[in-house]
Amino acid sequence: MAVMSVRRHLAGLAQAAMTVFSALFGIRRGVDHERQTRGLHPAYLAIAILIAVISFVIVLLAIVRAVTSH
């Protein structure tokens, strides 16, 4: 029972991550976005957005450090 619950949570988080990253890069049509976000839990979406923002900042910092170190 607990394994199914964990799998369901991981599947929801994975779907939220795909939604956020595809929206970030603009690779999904609006209709597909609407269909995919309809069943998402807001907490999963918030976690995925937080991870995306942190990842984006880390990449920007790495680029700035690489450019300014030369």
Protein backbone atom coordinates (compact mmCIF):
# COMPACT_ATOMS: atom_id res chain seq x y z
CA MET A 1 0.00 0.00 0.00
CA ALA A 2 2.75 2.45 0.92
CA VAL A 3 4.71 1.62 -2.24
CA MET A 4 1.74 2.56 -4.41
CA SER A 5 1.39 5.84 -2.54
CA VAL A 6 5.06 6.69 -3.08
CA ARG A 7 4.81 5.79 -6.77
CA ARG A 8 1.73 7.99 -7.15
CA HIS A 9 3.52 10.92 -5.50
CA LEU A 10 6.61 10.44 -7.66
CA ALA A 11 4.47 10.24 -10.79
CA GLY A 12 2.69 13.46 -9.81
CA LEU A 13 6.00 15.18 -9.15
CA ALA A 14 7.42 13.97 -12.47
CA GLN A 15 4.35 15.25 -14.32
CA ALA A 16 4.66 18.62 -12.57
CA ALA A 17 8.36 18.79 -13.45
CA MET A 18 7.65 18.06 -17.11
CA THR A 19 4.96 20.73 -17.14
CA VAL A 20 7.19 23.37 -15.57
CA PHE A 21 10.25 22.65 -17.71
CA SER A 22 8.27 22.48 -20.93
CA ALA A 23 6.63 25.80 -20.05
CA LEU A 24 10.03 27.27 -19.21
CA PHE A 25 11.42 26.35 -22.62
CA GLY A 26 8.18 27.01 -24.50
CA ILE A 27 8.03 23.62 -26.19
CA ARG A 28 4.42 22.73 -25.46
CA ARG A 29 1.28 24.06 -27.09
CA GLY A 30 -1.33 25.80 -24.95
CA VAL A 31 -3.92 23.06 -25.42
CA ASP A 32 -1.48 20.38 -24.25
CA HIS A 33 -0.47 22.55 -21.31
CA GLU A 34 -4.09 22.97 -20.24
CA ARG A 35 -4.74 19.24 -20.48
CA GLN A 36 -1.64 18.33 -18.50
CA THR A 37 -2.07 20.88 -15.71
CA ARG A 38 -5.71 20.01 -15.09
CA GLY A 39 -4.93 17.10 -12.75
CA LEU A 40 -1.83 18.45 -11.05
CA HIS A 41 -1.67 18.92 -7.31
CA PRO A 42 -0.64 22.52 -6.43
CA ALA A 43 2.03 21.33 -4.00
CA TYR A 44 3.72 19.27 -6.72
CA LEU A 45 3.65 22.26 -9.02
CA ALA A 46 5.15 24.52 -6.35
CA ILE A 47 7.98 22.04 -5.70
CA ALA A 48 8.71 21.71 -9.42
CA ILE A 49 8.75 25.49 -9.86
CA LEU A 50 11.10 25.88 -6.90
CA ILE A 51 13.49 23.28 -8.33
CA ALA A 52 13.36 24.95 -11.76
CA VAL A 53 14.14 28.38 -10.33
CA ILE A 54 17.02 27.07 -8.22
CA SER A 55 18.42 25.18 -11.22
CA PHE A 56 18.14 28.28 -13.40
CA VAL A 57 20.00 30.43 -10.85
CA ILE A 58 22.75 27.82 -10.46
CA VAL A 59 23.23 27.64 -14.24
CA LEU A 60 23.36 31.44 -14.48
CA LEU A 61 25.93 31.62 -11.68
CA ALA A 62 28.05 28.96 -13.37
CA ILE A 63 27.95 30.86 -16.66
CA VAL A 64 28.89 34.13 -14.98
CA ARG A 65 31.79 32.51 -13.12
CA ALA A 66 33.03 30.82 -16.29
CA VAL A 67 32.92 34.07 -18.26
CA THR A 68 34.47 36.27 -15.59
CA SER A 69 37.25 33.83 -14.61
CA HIS A 70 39.16 34.35 -17.88
